[in-house]
Amino acid sequence: MSKVAQRRRPARKQSASVEPSWLSDKNKRFFLGLALAIVLAGIPFALGKWFEFHSPDPFDGGAYVYSAAHILQGAEIGVEEKPSAQLGTLLVNMLGVKIWGFNDTGPKTMQMLLQLAALTLMFIALYRLYGMLPAAIGVIIASLYLSSPLIAKDGNVKEQYMIAFMVMGVSCYIFYVLRGRWWCAVLAGALLSWGPLFKQTGVSAIGAMGLFVLLQPVLGHQSFKQMGRDVLFLFAGAAIGIGPIYVWMIGWDVDMGLPYAFVWQELGKMLPFGGAADGPVKADYIAQGRKLVPFSDQWPIVLRFYGLLLLPIGLALGAILARLVVLLRGRSAPKKTGPSAQNRLVLLLALWWVLDTAFVWISPNSYEQYYLPLTASAAMLGAYLVYLYADKLTTAADKNRWVVLGLVGLILMIVTSWHVFFGMTKSPYSGMAYLDPQTGRPDPRKGYLQRYREIAYRLEKGARGSWEVVGQYIRERSQPTDTIYVWGWYPGIYVQAQRFSSAARAFAMPRYAPAVAERTVAELIEQFNREPPKFIVDARKRHVPTIRPAYELWPIAPKGFMGFEKAQFLPNNELFVDNYDKAWARMLRTEFDEEEALRYEAYKPLRKFVMDHYKIVNMFGPHVLFELKSPPAGKEPS
């Protein structure tokens, strides 16, 4: 062996002991952080989906599935089917029902895929912007709250679709700012344009993006020419995103109102003679809600929900405060280049979160799903605070102090989110404690733990809600060609029964303004005369505010009324009915207001129609089922 070969041999041994570049310490930390993020975000995500897929939705989700199935069956939109869903929600449900059938499996699968895509893009965007720790914490918090039984509902929720598109759109814009690739801005505009197609409050991300872009030259971060280029890219994306929807609606004469029409309607109301009147049936939801739920009742509910979301809200506020501190310190330092993307994009995320947080005040009916959007934007904004902490942890001379601060922060995060896992002890709506009816002890609810137990019990015992039972009863005792009608906001009964309605507006939340209630009744009776439903379900749901009684189609008179020995259905006798109506209307005027009494009187023709042409089958929990009496040969109800 030559001396040269002998000298090279140790070199070969040394190179063989060197680890591959992908196993460097930096990459090991990356893969460890990625694995932890996937596991810690994946657990609540997987649990949330398990909850949702085993929780049929009797309310909004049922309405969306029904409308999608009816339209796919051939019903003309706006004529034979008047959906309650916004256009985006309807289209997603139509796709889901087309693939998976007349049930909520398809829409919930679509929601799961959209949310998974949004969380993935969120993580990548935050990682590129702030690093591993901020990205991991941001996506974990987003997954935790978007899947939480506290506010997540049952999967087929318009807010969840809206949030997915907003998160994906903002994430794509972050890619654009970091990499400067024009197609990322176009994609951001296309994704953001879809947010309001699910719910109008989806304009929060669009509004934040617009303000951010317009303020950049004012703040000296870019030129007006660059701003114009960004606006052009975003508008081009929006046109590409919703353009096909306009073509489809106009070309097929789809009667649902054009996308973003609500923007021009709201602007029109600000004019001296503006304000379009409601349609023949549709009431002004917000205005009517304000009459029933005054601000004095609303604000304590909102603040209680804010308290339950203290972790994401605290992170968001901390990020805004930290950015202000950094900004003030920067003013006293020597003038350098403009702020980094990490600092500059805080404005965008903060504007988005502030709008999401403020928009929950729009509707007086503070349903829990209204608080979903602010948790997603808070998770992305809060990542900035974690980014500043991670920077100090690695660069500060006294690292022990920052380690202790991190442990304190971790403890605070656990404390402020404890109820998310193990349930809350007070109702956010009433503020009253949840108590076990048997023992009178505190009874925590709506945590991951309680929801898991509920679903496990449902699967083990085959338990079903009364609305599911009545739907199954109808399905077993009717033909697919038979029609039904559900009075009250329980459209999930249609899905359980696998039957369609004889009314174009298949479901209603009956607390309309009295004039609208009259038109609703007239429309229903006209359609029932043409095609009387075989079954009618009076869901007897108490709509917000729940202290007001339900609008019964066949009243149950109390014990003592006109000598009744017990509570019973009112006899279909003119004397009994007139006396009951007068007494009930008088009670409504005394206990509530004149409008409540007028609303009850507006529904009288519908009550009469049901009592004249239907018989009582049974009560399923609170729900009353009526079946059509056999009409004389050749005659229809009138």
Foldseek 3Di string as FASTA:
>chain_A
DDPVVVVCVVVVVVVVPDDPPCPDPVNVVVVVLVVVLCVLLVVLLVLLLVLQVLDFDQFDLLQLLQQLQVVVVPAAAPPQADGPFFQLLNVQSNVQCVVVNSGNPRSLVVLSVLLVVLLVLQLVLLCVQQNRPLSSQLSSLLSLQCSFLQFNPRRSALLSNLLSLLSQLVSLVSVCVVPVDLVSLLQSLLSLLCNCSGPVLSCLLVVLVVVLLVCCVVVPNDNVVVSVSSVVSNVNSNCVNCVVVVCVCVVVVRPDDHPPPVVVQVVQVPDPPGHDADPLFDFDQQVLQCVQQPPVLQPLLLVLLCLLVVLLVVLLVLLVVVLVVVVVVVVPDPDDHDDDSLSSCLSSLNSSLVSLSVVCVRHSPNRSNSNSNNSSSSSSNSSSVVSVLVVCCPPPPPNVVSVVVVVVVVVVSCVSNVCQAVADQADSNPRHGDADPVPRHGDGDRHSVNSVVVSVCCVVVVDDALLLVVLCVLLVVDDQVAAEAEEARRSSSCSSVVHHHLANHRYDHLSHFLSSLLSVLVRVVVSCQVPPGQKYKHLFDQDPVNVDGGQDLFDFDADPQVNRNGTGTQQPDPVRVVVVLVVVLVVCCVVPRNRVSSSSVSCVVSSNQCNVFWDWDDARPPMTMTGGDDDPPPHTRD
